[in-house]
Amino acid sequence: MIVIGELINSTRDVIKEKIEEKDKKYIQDIALKQVDAGASYVDVNSGAFVWDEIEHLIWLVKTVQEVTDVPLSLDSPNEEAIEKAAEVHEGIPMINSITAEKERYDKVIPLVQEYDAKVVALCLSDEGMPETAEQRLKIADKLVNDLSRDGVPLENVFIDPIIKPISVDGKFGFQVLDTISGITDWDTDVHITCGLSNISFGLPNRCLLNQAFLMMAMDRGLDSAIIDPLDDYIMKLAKAAEVLLNRDDYGQRYLKACRAGEMD
């Protein structure tokens, strides 16, 4: 499971406050805790700062990379912010995100190409937010074809089918699961990721719903998730599920985690 740590996001009040205060120690501590918990990427987002997002995103990249060499997911709807952050990022970043919207795609694809970046590809098009699995699969197919045409290796692509809260409509979970199944059936090298916690928005005991949905999604083919890696139980479940889904040869990673006391 490729884990993208979600905690350094300015939509969280405490993170916004610490960014404003330029509290390096706090941000670095959150970054290191996510990496120690198993994050493959650390997402950094300063989008809550409308007028000075770029300055704050650059600061986040530099601050986090002072203490870890784990690559960052540069998370912004602002292409200029992604560009400036990529310029100071050490190593190969992840760009979060590109879409099938023509204007967005045309502005982001040169950055993906220039930095040989991993890229989260959202199932969003000029026709708007998809409602069904069929609509999501159509957009995903276009993204895969366009990115491949533009020289992006498919193993660098992380398709995100866009999860919407089941508190709004109970069918939303099934739509995403069916989309994951459809992409998995293509048998390509693309990864499938998602902002997992969106599924439980507006409901109590969100961790339980997140954990249950992750198991269901992994069974359909999900191999990455944007989650809170400090949720110890969901990380244990992911490791156990990989053994059961034959994604961990001879349970080597699981056994290693058990010997290290991580599964207690």
Protein backbone atom coordinates (compact mmCIF):
# COMPACT_ATOMS: atom_id res chain seq x y z
CA MET A 1 0.00 0.00 0.00
CA ILE A 2 1.39 3.36 -1.06
CA VAL A 3 0.45 5.74 1.74
CA ILE A 4 0.26 9.48 1.14
CA GLY A 5 0.24 11.21 4.51
CA GLU A 6 -2.54 13.79 4.63
CA LEU A 7 -1.90 15.69 7.86
CA ILE A 8 0.03 18.77 6.66
CA ASN A 9 -2.99 20.42 5.13
CA SER A 10 -3.90 24.05 5.77
CA THR A 11 -7.62 23.21 5.81
CA ARG A 12 -6.91 21.81 9.28
CA ASP A 13 -7.10 24.71 11.72
CA VAL A 14 -4.06 23.71 13.73
CA ILE A 15 -1.90 23.33 10.62
CA LYS A 16 -3.04 26.67 9.24
CA GLU A 17 -2.12 28.29 12.53
CA LYS A 18 1.33 26.66 12.62
CA ILE A 19 2.03 27.69 9.02
CA GLU A 20 1.09 31.27 9.84
CA GLU A 21 3.42 31.16 12.84
CA LYS A 22 6.16 29.52 10.75
CA ASP A 23 6.43 26.87 13.47
CA LYS A 24 9.05 24.66 11.83
CA LYS A 25 9.35 22.30 14.76
CA TYR A 26 5.65 21.46 14.77
CA ILE A 27 5.45 20.91 11.01
CA GLN A 28 8.63 18.85 10.97
CA ASP A 29 7.40 16.73 13.86
CA ILE A 30 4.14 15.94 12.03
CA ALA A 31 6.09 15.09 8.89
CA LEU A 32 8.47 12.74 10.70
CA LYS A 33 5.66 11.02 12.58
CA GLN A 34 3.91 10.27 9.28
CA VAL A 35 7.09 8.93 7.71
CA ASP A 36 7.86 6.80 10.77
CA ALA A 37 4.32 5.42 10.60
CA GLY A 38 4.84 4.29 7.01
CA ALA A 39 3.99 7.19 4.69
CA SER A 40 5.59 6.83 1.26
CA TYR A 41 4.78 10.47 0.45
CA VAL A 42 3.97 13.46 2.63
CA ASP A 43 1.27 15.72 1.23
CA VAL A 44 1.78 19.46 1.73
CA ASN A 45 -1.05 21.91 1.18
CA SER A 46 -1.27 25.65 1.84
CA GLY A 47 -4.39 26.28 -0.22
CA ALA A 48 -6.25 27.94 2.65
CA PHE A 49 -3.99 30.96 2.16
CA VAL A 50 -5.63 32.46 -0.89
CA TRP A 51 -3.29 35.41 -1.39
CA ASP A 52 0.04 33.97 -0.30
CA GLU A 53 -0.33 30.25 -0.99
CA ILE A 54 2.85 30.12 -3.06
CA GLU A 55 5.05 31.56 -0.33
CA HIS A 56 3.63 29.16 2.25
CA LEU A 57 3.89 26.10 0.00
CA ILE A 58 7.54 26.84 -0.75
CA TRP A 59 8.13 27.19 3.00
CA LEU A 60 6.41 23.86 3.67
CA VAL A 61 8.50 22.05 1.08
CA LYS A 62 11.76 23.43 2.41
CA THR A 63 10.74 22.87 6.03
CA VAL A 64 9.71 19.25 5.60
CA GLN A 65 12.66 18.35 3.40
CA GLU A 66 15.07 19.61 6.04
CA VAL A 67 14.23 16.54 8.10
CA THR A 68 13.23 13.80 5.63
CA ASP A 69 14.08 12.71 2.11
CA VAL A 70 10.67 11.10 1.57
CA PRO A 71 9.16 12.75 -1.53
CA LEU A 72 6.37 15.25 -1.10
CA SER A 73 2.96 15.46 -2.71
CA LEU A 74 2.57 19.06 -3.88
CA ASP A 75 -1.12 19.63 -3.29
CA SER A 76 -2.66 22.72 -4.86
CA PRO A 77 -5.32 23.83 -7.34
CA ASN A 78 -2.90 26.63 -8.29
CA GLU A 79 -0.54 25.59 -11.10
CA GLU A 80 1.89 28.39 -10.28
CA ALA A 81 2.10 27.21 -6.68
CA ILE A 82 2.91 23.68 -7.86
CA GLU A 83 5.54 25.03 -10.24
CA LYS A 84 7.30 27.13 -7.59
CA ALA A 85 7.15 24.28 -5.06
CA ALA A 86 8.55 21.81 -7.59
CA GLU A 87 11.47 24.14 -8.23
CA VAL A 88 12.64 23.86 -4.62
CA HIS A 89 11.67 20.20 -4.11
CA GLU A 90 14.65 17.86 -3.85
CA GLY A 91 14.18 14.68 -5.86
CA ILE A 92 11.10 13.56 -7.73
CA PRO A 93 7.84 15.04 -6.38
CA MET A 94 4.27 13.95 -6.67
CA ILE A 95 1.92 16.52 -8.20
CA ASN A 96 -1.54 16.61 -6.70
CA SER A 97 -3.26 16.99 -9.05
CA ILE A 98 -4.08 16.97 -12.75
CA THR A 99 -7.58 16.54 -14.19
CA ALA A 100 -9.16 15.96 -17.58
CA GLU A 101 -10.33 19.58 -17.63
CA LYS A 102 -8.55 21.00 -20.68
CA GLU A 103 -7.28 24.19 -19.06
CA ARG A 104 -6.03 22.39 -15.96
CA TYR A 105 -4.48 19.56 -17.96
CA ASP A 106 -2.65 21.90 -20.34
CA LYS A 107 -1.16 23.89 -17.46
CA VAL A 108 -0.08 20.95 -15.31
CA ILE A 109 1.21 18.45 -17.88
CA PRO A 110 4.39 20.48 -18.66
CA LEU A 111 5.28 20.33 -14.94
CA VAL A 112 4.70 16.58 -14.80
CA GLN A 113 6.96 16.18 -17.83
CA GLU A 114 9.67 18.57 -16.64
CA TYR A 115 10.06 16.96 -13.22
CA ASP A 116 9.28 13.38 -14.27
CA ALA A 117 6.77 13.62 -11.46
CA LYS A 118 4.35 11.14 -10.05
CA VAL A 119 0.89 12.58 -10.57
CA VAL A 120 -2.53 12.22 -8.96
CA ALA A 121 -5.06 12.24 -11.79
CA LEU A 122 -8.53 13.23 -10.58
CA CYS A 123 -11.58 11.90 -12.41
CA LEU A 124 -12.86 15.39 -13.15
CA SER A 125 -13.62 16.80 -16.59
CA ASP A 126 -15.03 19.90 -18.23
CA GLU A 127 -18.43 18.25 -17.91
CA GLY A 128 -18.16 18.54 -14.13
CA MET A 129 -18.09 16.14 -11.21
CA PRO A 130 -18.91 12.57 -12.28
CA GLU A 131 -21.94 10.93 -10.72
CA THR A 132 -21.60 7.30 -11.81
CA ALA A 133 -18.87 4.69 -12.11
CA GLU A 134 -19.32 4.76 -15.88
CA GLN A 135 -18.64 8.50 -15.99
CA ARG A 136 -15.59 8.09 -13.78
CA LEU A 137 -14.20 5.30 -15.94
CA LYS A 138 -14.67 7.37 -19.09
CA ILE A 139 -12.67 10.23 -17.56
CA ALA A 140 -10.03 7.86 -16.18
CA ASP A 141 -9.63 6.29 -19.61
CA LYS A 142 -9.10 9.71 -21.18
CA LEU A 143 -6.54 10.66 -18.53
CA VAL A 144 -4.61 7.43 -18.96
CA ASN A 145 -4.55 7.79 -22.73
CA ASP A 146 -3.63 11.48 -22.67
CA LEU A 147 -0.90 11.07 -20.06
CA SER A 148 0.56 8.10 -21.93
CA ARG A 149 0.48 10.06 -25.19
CA ASP A 150 2.33 12.89 -23.46
CA GLY A 151 5.14 10.61 -22.33
CA VAL A 152 4.15 9.99 -18.71
CA PRO A 153 4.95 6.41 -17.64
CA LEU A 154 1.75 4.80 -16.44
CA GLU A 155 3.46 3.63 -13.25
CA ASN A 156 3.76 7.34 -12.37
CA VAL A 157 0.00 7.85 -12.62
CA PHE A 158 -2.29 7.63 -9.58
CA ILE A 159 -5.92 7.69 -10.70
CA ASP A 160 -8.24 9.18 -8.06
CA PRO A 161 -11.91 8.31 -8.71
CA ILE A 162 -13.05 11.07 -6.30
CA ILE A 163 -14.86 9.89 -3.20
CA LYS A 164 -17.96 11.76 -2.10
CA PRO A 165 -19.51 11.40 1.36
CA ILE A 166 -21.96 8.58 1.89
CA SER A 167 -23.73 10.90 4.33
CA VAL A 168 -25.03 12.64 1.21
CA ASP A 169 -25.92 9.53 -0.76
CA GLY A 170 -25.37 5.91 0.27
CA LYS A 171 -24.59 4.93 -3.33
CA PHE A 172 -21.43 7.04 -3.48
CA GLY A 173 -19.29 4.31 -1.94
CA PHE A 174 -20.44 1.70 -4.45
CA GLN A 175 -19.75 4.05 -7.33
CA VAL A 176 -16.12 4.42 -6.27
CA LEU A 177 -15.70 0.69 -5.64
CA ASP A 178 -17.08 -0.11 -9.10
CA THR A 179 -14.72 2.47 -10.61
CA ILE A 180 -11.73 0.89 -8.86
CA SER A 181 -12.77 -2.53 -10.18
CA GLY A 182 -13.07 -1.17 -13.71
CA ILE A 183 -9.62 0.44 -13.66
CA THR A 184 -8.10 -2.72 -12.16
CA ASP A 185 -9.62 -4.77 -14.99
CA TRP A 186 -7.64 -2.71 -17.52
CA ASP A 187 -4.51 -4.45 -16.22
CA THR A 188 -2.25 -1.46 -16.76
CA ASP A 189 0.58 -0.14 -14.59
CA VAL A 190 -1.48 2.76 -13.23
CA HIS A 191 -1.99 3.08 -9.49
CA ILE A 192 -5.34 3.85 -7.91
CA THR A 193 -5.52 6.22 -4.96
CA CYS A 194 -8.16 8.23 -3.13
CA GLY A 195 -8.75 10.75 -0.38
CA LEU A 196 -10.12 8.00 1.81
CA SER A 197 -11.58 10.04 4.67
CA ASN A 198 -14.01 11.82 2.34
CA ILE A 199 -16.19 8.71 2.51
CA SER A 200 -17.07 9.31 6.17
CA PHE A 201 -17.49 13.09 6.17
CA GLY A 202 -20.46 14.21 8.26
CA LEU A 203 -20.83 10.95 10.18
CA PRO A 204 -19.77 9.91 13.70
CA ASN A 205 -16.98 7.40 14.42
CA ARG A 206 -15.36 8.24 11.11
CA CYS A 207 -12.32 6.05 11.72
CA LEU A 208 -14.49 2.91 11.65
CA LEU A 209 -16.00 3.84 8.30
CA ASN A 210 -12.61 4.76 6.86
CA GLN A 211 -11.11 1.47 7.98
CA ALA A 212 -13.98 -0.60 6.59
CA PHE A 213 -13.98 1.23 3.28
CA LEU A 214 -10.22 0.82 2.86
CA MET A 215 -10.59 -2.96 3.13
CA MET A 216 -13.38 -2.97 0.57
CA ALA A 217 -11.42 -0.74 -1.81
CA MET A 218 -8.21 -2.76 -1.49
CA ASP A 219 -10.17 -5.87 -2.39
CA ARG A 220 -11.26 -4.13 -5.60
CA GLY A 221 -7.70 -3.08 -6.50
CA LEU A 222 -6.87 0.12 -4.62
CA ASP A 223 -3.12 0.19 -4.01
CA SER A 224 -2.66 3.69 -2.60
CA ALA A 225 -4.53 6.04 -0.29
CA ILE A 226 -4.30 9.58 1.01
CA ILE A 227 -4.84 8.89 4.70
CA ASP A 228 -3.76 9.66 8.23
CA PRO A 229 -0.86 7.25 8.79
CA LEU A 230 -1.00 8.00 12.50
CA ASP A 231 -4.21 5.97 12.60
CA ASP A 232 -2.37 2.91 13.87
CA TYR A 233 -5.25 0.52 13.33
CA ILE A 234 -5.84 1.42 9.69
CA MET A 235 -2.12 0.95 8.97
CA LYS A 236 -2.21 -2.50 10.61
CA LEU A 237 -5.32 -3.43 8.61
CA ALA A 238 -3.61 -2.39 5.37
CA LYS A 239 -0.60 -4.59 6.12
CA ALA A 240 -2.82 -7.54 6.99
CA ALA A 241 -4.98 -7.04 3.90
CA GLU A 242 -1.95 -7.05 1.62
CA VAL A 243 -1.08 -10.55 2.85
CA LEU A 244 -4.63 -11.80 2.28
CA LEU A 245 -4.78 -10.21 -1.18
CA ASN A 246 -1.46 -11.82 -2.18
CA ARG A 247 0.30 -8.48 -2.50
CA ASP A 248 2.96 -9.33 0.09
CA ASP A 249 5.04 -12.31 -1.05
CA TYR A 250 5.08 -14.93 1.68
CA GLY A 251 3.89 -12.21 4.07
CA GLN A 252 7.42 -10.85 4.31
CA ARG A 253 6.44 -7.26 5.10
CA TYR A 254 3.78 -8.46 7.50
CA LEU A 255 6.23 -10.74 9.33
CA LYS A 256 8.81 -7.97 9.50
CA ALA A 257 6.21 -5.63 11.03
CA CYS A 258 5.19 -8.33 13.54
CA ARG A 259 8.79 -8.90 14.59
CA ALA A 260 9.20 -5.16 15.06
CA GLY A 261 6.17 -5.06 17.33
CA GLU A 262 4.19 -2.90 14.89
CA MET A 263 1.21 -5.26 14.77
CA ASP A 264 0.64 -5.63 18.51
